Amino acid sequence: MTSRWSEAVEGHRSAVQEAVLDAVGTLVAAGGPRSVTMAAVARTAGVGRATLYRKFADAEALLQEWHAREVRRHVGELVRLAARSGRAWVRLERVLLALVWLRDGAHAPALHLGGHVASAQDEVHGLLCDLLSEAVKQGDVRGDIRTEVLAGFCLAALSGGPHVPARPAARDLVGLVLCAVRAPSQLPT
């Protein structure tokens, strides 16, 4: 009985945590990070403020935890895209497009300061290195430059520009990046 009780309590805590983080996401989407206050999150999640303060010191801690969850979800989606079957070149294109579409808007700089972001960036860099290495072996990506450098270039090129929400503009940006890493033998003459 104790085991079941512990599982039920843990399940409830997990559900409350998800509801709280979902509420943070709702508030950020509606009004940006500055709209996230302890009172607004409690109201949106349907929990008491005391419940929030048991786990989170303040609204900034809520934002960081929500952002860490979103980053984990985004990396998971990129891993799933990279793991699909097909040529590495096609999977690379899918991953790069997803990177553009998953980028946060104007609130990104304030939230990208946590250690969770550096870890995710390392994971995405490694994922791109793997895809690029496979594409080099298939003859689709240039082999004269180390894949670590190519992966870094892809990430820098995609993150250095303005936010590109429109699909045609995102495709253009990704196309430009792909052209830069394409094997010379694969380029149109």
C-alpha atoms as a PDB file:
ATOM      1  CA  MET A   1       0.000   0.000   0.000  1.00  0.00           C
ATOM      2  CA  THR A   2       2.827   2.401   0.800  1.00  0.00           C
ATOM      3  CA  SER A   3       4.326   1.872  -2.645  1.00  0.00           C
ATOM      4  CA  ARG A   4       1.035   2.687  -4.368  1.00  0.00           C
ATOM      5  CA  TRP A   5       0.570   5.752  -2.205  1.00  0.00           C
ATOM      6  CA  SER A   6       4.077   6.978  -3.041  1.00  0.00           C
ATOM      7  CA  GLU A   7       3.433   6.403  -6.753  1.00  0.00           C
ATOM      8  CA  ALA A   8       0.129   8.296  -6.545  1.00  0.00           C
ATOM      9  CA  VAL A   9       1.746  11.229  -4.739  1.00  0.00           C
ATOM     10  CA  GLU A  10       4.632  11.320  -7.218  1.00  0.00           C
ATOM     11  CA  GLY A  11       2.182  11.165 -10.135  1.00  0.00           C
ATOM     12  CA  HIS A  12       0.242  14.099  -8.682  1.00  0.00           C
ATOM     13  CA  ARG A  13       3.438  16.127  -8.183  1.00  0.00           C
ATOM     14  CA  SER A  14       4.493  15.411 -11.737  1.00  0.00           C
ATOM     15  CA  ALA A  15       1.075  16.436 -13.092  1.00  0.00           C
ATOM     16  CA  VAL A  16       1.158  19.677 -11.085  1.00  0.00           C
ATOM     17  CA  GLN A  17       4.705  20.404 -12.304  1.00  0.00           C
ATOM     18  CA  GLU A  18       3.616  19.911 -15.931  1.00  0.00           C
ATOM     19  CA  ALA A  19       0.539  22.097 -15.428  1.00  0.00           C
ATOM     20  CA  VAL A  20       2.707  24.840 -13.915  1.00  0.00           C
ATOM     21  CA  LEU A  21       5.228  24.695 -16.761  1.00  0.00           C
ATOM     22  CA  ASP A  22       2.414  24.618 -19.320  1.00  0.00           C
ATOM     23  CA  ALA A  23       1.008  27.749 -17.664  1.00  0.00           C
ATOM     24  CA  VAL A  24       4.412  29.447 -17.970  1.00  0.00           C
ATOM     25  CA  GLY A  25       4.443  28.568 -21.674  1.00  0.00           C
ATOM     26  CA  THR A  26       0.951  29.979 -22.122  1.00  0.00           C
ATOM     27  CA  LEU A  27       1.942  33.226 -20.444  1.00  0.00           C
ATOM     28  CA  VAL A  28       5.170  33.555 -22.435  1.00  0.00           C
ATOM     29  CA  ALA A  29       3.295  32.964 -25.689  1.00  0.00           C
ATOM     30  CA  ALA A  30       0.660  35.547 -24.788  1.00  0.00           C
ATOM     31  CA  GLY A  31       2.784  38.308 -23.288  1.00  0.00           C
ATOM     32  CA  GLY A  32       6.459  37.377 -23.300  1.00  0.00           C
ATOM     33  CA  PRO A  33       8.650  36.464 -20.324  1.00  0.00           C
ATOM     34  CA  ARG A  34       7.771  39.630 -18.406  1.00  0.00           C
ATOM     35  CA  SER A  35       4.174  38.436 -18.147  1.00  0.00           C
ATOM     36  CA  VAL A  36       5.295  35.507 -15.986  1.00  0.00           C
ATOM     37  CA  THR A  37       4.638  36.292 -12.342  1.00  0.00           C
ATOM     38  CA  MET A  38       4.025  33.857  -9.522  1.00  0.00           C
ATOM     39  CA  ALA A  39       0.425  35.075  -9.226  1.00  0.00           C
ATOM     40  CA  ALA A  40      -0.241  34.757 -12.975  1.00  0.00           C
ATOM     41  CA  VAL A  41       1.250  31.260 -13.121  1.00  0.00           C
ATOM     42  CA  ALA A  42      -0.738  30.128 -10.085  1.00  0.00           C
ATOM     43  CA  ARG A  43      -3.943  31.500 -11.579  1.00  0.00           C
ATOM     44  CA  THR A  44      -3.291  30.005 -15.041  1.00  0.00           C
ATOM     45  CA  ALA A  45      -2.239  26.605 -13.670  1.00  0.00           C
ATOM     46  CA  GLY A  46      -5.039  26.495 -11.115  1.00  0.00           C
ATOM     47  CA  VAL A  47      -2.736  26.018  -8.137  1.00  0.00           C
ATOM     48  CA  GLY A  48      -1.985  28.049  -5.048  1.00  0.00           C
ATOM     49  CA  ARG A  49       1.006  30.340  -4.866  1.00  0.00           C
ATOM     50  CA  ALA A  50       2.263  28.390  -1.886  1.00  0.00           C
ATOM     51  CA  THR A  51       2.480  25.335  -4.150  1.00  0.00           C
ATOM     52  CA  LEU A  52       4.696  27.294  -6.538  1.00  0.00           C
ATOM     53  CA  TYR A  53       6.941  28.606  -3.802  1.00  0.00           C
ATOM     54  CA  ARG A  54       7.576  25.066  -2.510  1.00  0.00           C
ATOM     55  CA  LYS A  55       9.448  24.255  -5.719  1.00  0.00           C
ATOM     56  CA  PHE A  56      10.386  27.610  -7.281  1.00  0.00           C
ATOM     57  CA  ALA A  57      12.003  30.594  -5.603  1.00  0.00           C
ATOM     58  CA  ASP A  58      10.587  33.128  -8.040  1.00  0.00           C
ATOM     59  CA  ALA A  59       9.289  33.739 -11.558  1.00  0.00           C
ATOM     60  CA  GLU A  60      12.804  33.635 -12.990  1.00  0.00           C
ATOM     61  CA  ALA A  61      13.247  30.096 -11.644  1.00  0.00           C
ATOM     62  CA  LEU A  62       9.929  29.155 -13.266  1.00  0.00           C
ATOM     63  CA  LEU A  63      11.055  30.597 -16.588  1.00  0.00           C
ATOM     64  CA  GLN A  64      14.368  28.757 -16.459  1.00  0.00           C
ATOM     65  CA  GLU A  65      12.690  25.426 -15.659  1.00  0.00           C
ATOM     66  CA  TRP A  66      10.122  25.929 -18.431  1.00  0.00           C
ATOM     67  CA  HIS A  67      12.858  26.851 -20.880  1.00  0.00           C
ATOM     68  CA  ALA A  68      14.938  23.805 -19.913  1.00  0.00           C
ATOM     69  CA  ARG A  69      11.901  21.606 -20.598  1.00  0.00           C
ATOM     70  CA  GLU A  70      11.345  23.264 -23.979  1.00  0.00           C
ATOM     71  CA  VAL A  71      15.004  22.839 -24.916  1.00  0.00           C
ATOM     72  CA  ARG A  72      14.823  19.125 -23.979  1.00  0.00           C
ATOM     73  CA  ARG A  73      11.718  18.752 -26.164  1.00  0.00           C
ATOM     74  CA  HIS A  74      13.374  20.524 -29.088  1.00  0.00           C
ATOM     75  CA  VAL A  75      16.523  18.414 -28.897  1.00  0.00           C
ATOM     76  CA  GLY A  76      14.361  15.285 -28.705  1.00  0.00           C
ATOM     77  CA  GLU A  77      12.560  16.346 -31.881  1.00  0.00           C
ATOM     78  CA  LEU A  78      15.871  16.935 -33.669  1.00  0.00           C
ATOM     79  CA  VAL A  79      17.121  13.503 -32.585  1.00  0.00           C
ATOM     80  CA  ARG A  80      13.921  11.894 -33.926  1.00  0.00           C
ATOM     81  CA  LEU A  81      14.299  13.696 -37.252  1.00  0.00           C
ATOM     82  CA  ALA A  82      17.939  12.662 -37.566  1.00  0.00           C
ATOM     83  CA  ALA A  83      17.099   9.025 -36.765  1.00  0.00           C
ATOM     84  CA  ARG A  84      14.567   8.638 -39.576  1.00  0.00           C
ATOM     85  CA  SER A  85      15.452   6.446 -42.501  1.00  0.00           C
ATOM     86  CA  GLY A  86      16.752   7.863 -45.749  1.00  0.00           C
ATOM     87  CA  ARG A  87      19.833   9.598 -47.046  1.00  0.00           C
ATOM     88  CA  ALA A  88      21.786  11.618 -44.538  1.00  0.00           C
ATOM     89  CA  TRP A  89      21.498  14.696 -46.804  1.00  0.00           C
ATOM     90  CA  VAL A  90      17.695  14.662 -46.583  1.00  0.00           C
ATOM     91  CA  ARG A  91      17.755  14.125 -42.811  1.00  0.00           C
ATOM     92  CA  LEU A  92      20.311  16.931 -42.458  1.00  0.00           C
ATOM     93  CA  GLU A  93      17.983  19.279 -44.311  1.00  0.00           C
ATOM     94  CA  ARG A  94      15.063  18.291 -42.052  1.00  0.00           C
ATOM     95  CA  VAL A  95      17.136  18.882 -38.916  1.00  0.00           C
ATOM     96  CA  LEU A  96      18.360  22.279 -40.123  1.00  0.00           C
ATOM     97  CA  LEU A  97      14.825  23.373 -41.027  1.00  0.00           C
ATOM     98  CA  ALA A  98      13.602  22.257 -37.618  1.00  0.00           C
ATOM     99  CA  LEU A  99      16.400  24.241 -35.974  1.00  0.00           C
ATOM    100  CA  VAL A 100      15.206  27.381 -37.741  1.00  0.00           C
ATOM    101  CA  TRP A 101      11.541  26.760 -36.896  1.00  0.00           C
ATOM    102  CA  LEU A 102      12.236  25.834 -33.272  1.00  0.00           C
ATOM    103  CA  ARG A 103      14.219  28.974 -32.572  1.00  0.00           C
ATOM    104  CA  ASP A 104      12.698  31.169 -29.928  1.00  0.00           C
ATOM    105  CA  GLY A 105      11.582  34.697 -30.696  1.00  0.00           C
ATOM    106  CA  ALA A 106      12.722  37.920 -29.102  1.00  0.00           C
ATOM    107  CA  HIS A 107      12.851  36.463 -25.562  1.00  0.00           C
ATOM    108  CA  ALA A 108      15.558  33.937 -26.462  1.00  0.00           C
ATOM    109  CA  PRO A 109      18.619  35.865 -25.193  1.00  0.00           C
ATOM    110  CA  ALA A 110      17.186  36.251 -21.698  1.00  0.00           C
ATOM    111  CA  LEU A 111      16.459  32.533 -21.404  1.00  0.00           C
ATOM    112  CA  HIS A 112      19.507  31.069 -23.123  1.00  0.00           C
ATOM    113  CA  LEU A 113      21.822  31.680 -20.204  1.00  0.00           C
ATOM    114  CA  GLY A 114      21.352  28.423 -18.309  1.00  0.00           C
ATOM    115  CA  GLY A 115      23.663  25.412 -18.367  1.00  0.00           C
ATOM    116  CA  HIS A 116      20.879  23.407 -19.984  1.00  0.00           C
ATOM    117  CA  VAL A 117      21.406  25.396 -23.186  1.00  0.00           C
ATOM    118  CA  ALA A 118      25.143  24.694 -23.413  1.00  0.00           C
ATOM    119  CA  SER A 119      24.480  20.991 -22.947  1.00  0.00           C
ATOM    120  CA  ALA A 120      21.773  21.036 -25.621  1.00  0.00           C
ATOM    121  CA  GLN A 121      24.032  22.946 -28.015  1.00  0.00           C
ATOM    122  CA  ASP A 122      26.732  20.311 -27.553  1.00  0.00           C
ATOM    123  CA  GLU A 123      24.202  17.569 -28.232  1.00  0.00           C
ATOM    124  CA  VAL A 124      22.905  19.272 -31.381  1.00  0.00           C
ATOM    125  CA  HIS A 125      26.474  19.897 -32.572  1.00  0.00           C
ATOM    126  CA  GLY A 126      27.243  16.197 -32.120  1.00  0.00           C
ATOM    127  CA  LEU A 127      24.048  15.251 -33.931  1.00  0.00           C
ATOM    128  CA  LEU A 128      25.011  17.456 -36.888  1.00  0.00           C
ATOM    129  CA  CYS A 129      28.546  16.017 -36.903  1.00  0.00           C
ATOM    130  CA  ASP A 130      27.095  12.514 -37.170  1.00  0.00           C
ATOM    131  CA  LEU A 131      24.746  13.477 -40.009  1.00  0.00           C
ATOM    132  CA  LEU A 132      27.470  15.369 -41.852  1.00  0.00           C
ATOM    133  CA  SER A 133      29.935  12.460 -41.482  1.00  0.00           C
ATOM    134  CA  GLU A 134      27.382  10.090 -42.923  1.00  0.00           C
ATOM    135  CA  ALA A 135      26.636  12.520 -45.767  1.00  0.00           C
ATOM    136  CA  VAL A 136      30.377  12.840 -46.509  1.00  0.00           C
ATOM    137  CA  LYS A 137      30.583   9.042 -46.861  1.00  0.00           C
ATOM    138  CA  GLN A 138      27.588   9.154 -49.216  1.00  0.00           C
ATOM    139  CA  GLY A 139      29.321  11.827 -51.318  1.00  0.00           C
ATOM    140  CA  ASP A 140      26.784  14.583 -50.629  1.00  0.00           C
ATOM    141  CA  VAL A 141      28.857  16.792 -48.300  1.00  0.00           C
ATOM    142  CA  ARG A 142      32.320  18.156 -48.870  1.00  0.00           C
ATOM    143  CA  GLY A 143      35.062  16.093 -47.269  1.00  0.00           C
ATOM    144  CA  ASP A 144      37.823  18.698 -47.346  1.00  0.00           C
ATOM    145  CA  ILE A 145      36.679  20.343 -44.100  1.00  0.00           C
ATOM    146  CA  ARG A 146      36.283  18.553 -40.755  1.00  0.00           C
ATOM    147  CA  THR A 147      32.676  17.781 -39.914  1.00  0.00           C
ATOM    148  CA  GLU A 148      33.057  19.512 -36.535  1.00  0.00           C
ATOM    149  CA  VAL A 149      33.813  22.751 -38.384  1.00  0.00           C
ATOM    150  CA  LEU A 150      30.933  22.218 -40.819  1.00  0.00           C
ATOM    151  CA  ALA A 151      28.541  21.548 -37.932  1.00  0.00           C
ATOM    152  CA  GLY A 152      29.686  24.714 -36.170  1.00  0.00           C
ATOM    153  CA  PHE A 153      29.243  26.665 -39.379  1.00  0.00           C
ATOM    154  CA  CYS A 154      25.682  25.349 -39.813  1.00  0.00           C
ATOM    155  CA  LEU A 155      24.740  26.324 -36.269  1.00  0.00           C
ATOM    156  CA  ALA A 156      26.345  29.756 -36.522  1.00  0.00           C
ATOM    157  CA  ALA A 157      24.741  30.481 -39.884  1.00  0.00           C
ATOM    158  CA  LEU A 158      21.296  29.529 -38.630  1.00  0.00           C
ATOM    159  CA  SER A 159      21.545  31.417 -35.346  1.00  0.00           C
ATOM    160  CA  GLY A 160      23.283  34.537 -36.618  1.00  0.00           C
ATOM    161  CA  GLY A 161      20.472  35.852 -38.741  1.00  0.00           C
ATOM    162  CA  PRO A 162      17.117  37.347 -37.848  1.00  0.00           C
ATOM    163  CA  HIS A 163      14.238  35.209 -36.672  1.00  0.00           C
ATOM    164  CA  VAL A 164      12.793  33.594 -39.827  1.00  0.00           C
ATOM    165  CA  PRO A 165       9.249  32.428 -39.082  1.00  0.00           C
ATOM    166  CA  ALA A 166       8.055  32.196 -42.694  1.00  0.00           C
ATOM    167  CA  ARG A 167       8.602  28.768 -44.209  1.00  0.00           C
ATOM    168  CA  PRO A 168       9.863  30.067 -47.583  1.00  0.00           C
ATOM    169  CA  ALA A 169      12.429  32.282 -45.843  1.00  0.00           C
ATOM    170  CA  ALA A 170      13.494  29.409 -43.589  1.00  0.00           C
ATOM    171  CA  ARG A 171      13.905  27.147 -46.618  1.00  0.00           C
ATOM    172  CA  ASP A 172      16.005  29.827 -48.328  1.00  0.00           C
ATOM    173  CA  LEU A 173      18.287  30.155 -45.300  1.00  0.00           C
ATOM    174  CA  VAL A 174      18.693  26.392 -44.956  1.00  0.00           C
ATOM    175  CA  GLY A 175      19.273  26.106 -48.713  1.00  0.00           C
ATOM    176  CA  LEU A 176      22.082  28.624 -48.460  1.00  0.00           C
ATOM    177  CA  VAL A 177      23.697  26.704 -45.595  1.00  0.00           C
ATOM    178  CA  LEU A 178      23.339  23.400 -47.444  1.00  0.00           C
ATOM    179  CA  CYS A 179      24.896  24.906 -50.571  1.00  0.00           C
ATOM    180  CA  ALA A 180      27.930  25.897 -48.501  1.00  0.00           C
ATOM    181  CA  VAL A 181      28.491  22.355 -47.179  1.00  0.00           C
ATOM    182  CA  ARG A 182      27.583  20.530 -50.404  1.00  0.00           C
ATOM    183  CA  ALA A 183      30.254  18.400 -52.033  1.00  0.00           C
ATOM    184  CA  PRO A 184      31.666  20.214 -55.083  1.00  0.00           C
ATOM    185  CA  SER A 185      30.757  17.233 -57.263  1.00  0.00           C
ATOM    186  CA  GLN A 186      27.105  17.686 -56.250  1.00  0.00           C
ATOM    187  CA  LEU A 187      26.891  21.384 -57.124  1.00  0.00           C
ATOM    188  CA  PRO A 188      25.199  22.386 -60.364  1.00  0.00           C
ATOM    189  CA  THR A 189      27.617  23.412 -63.080  1.00  0.00           C
END
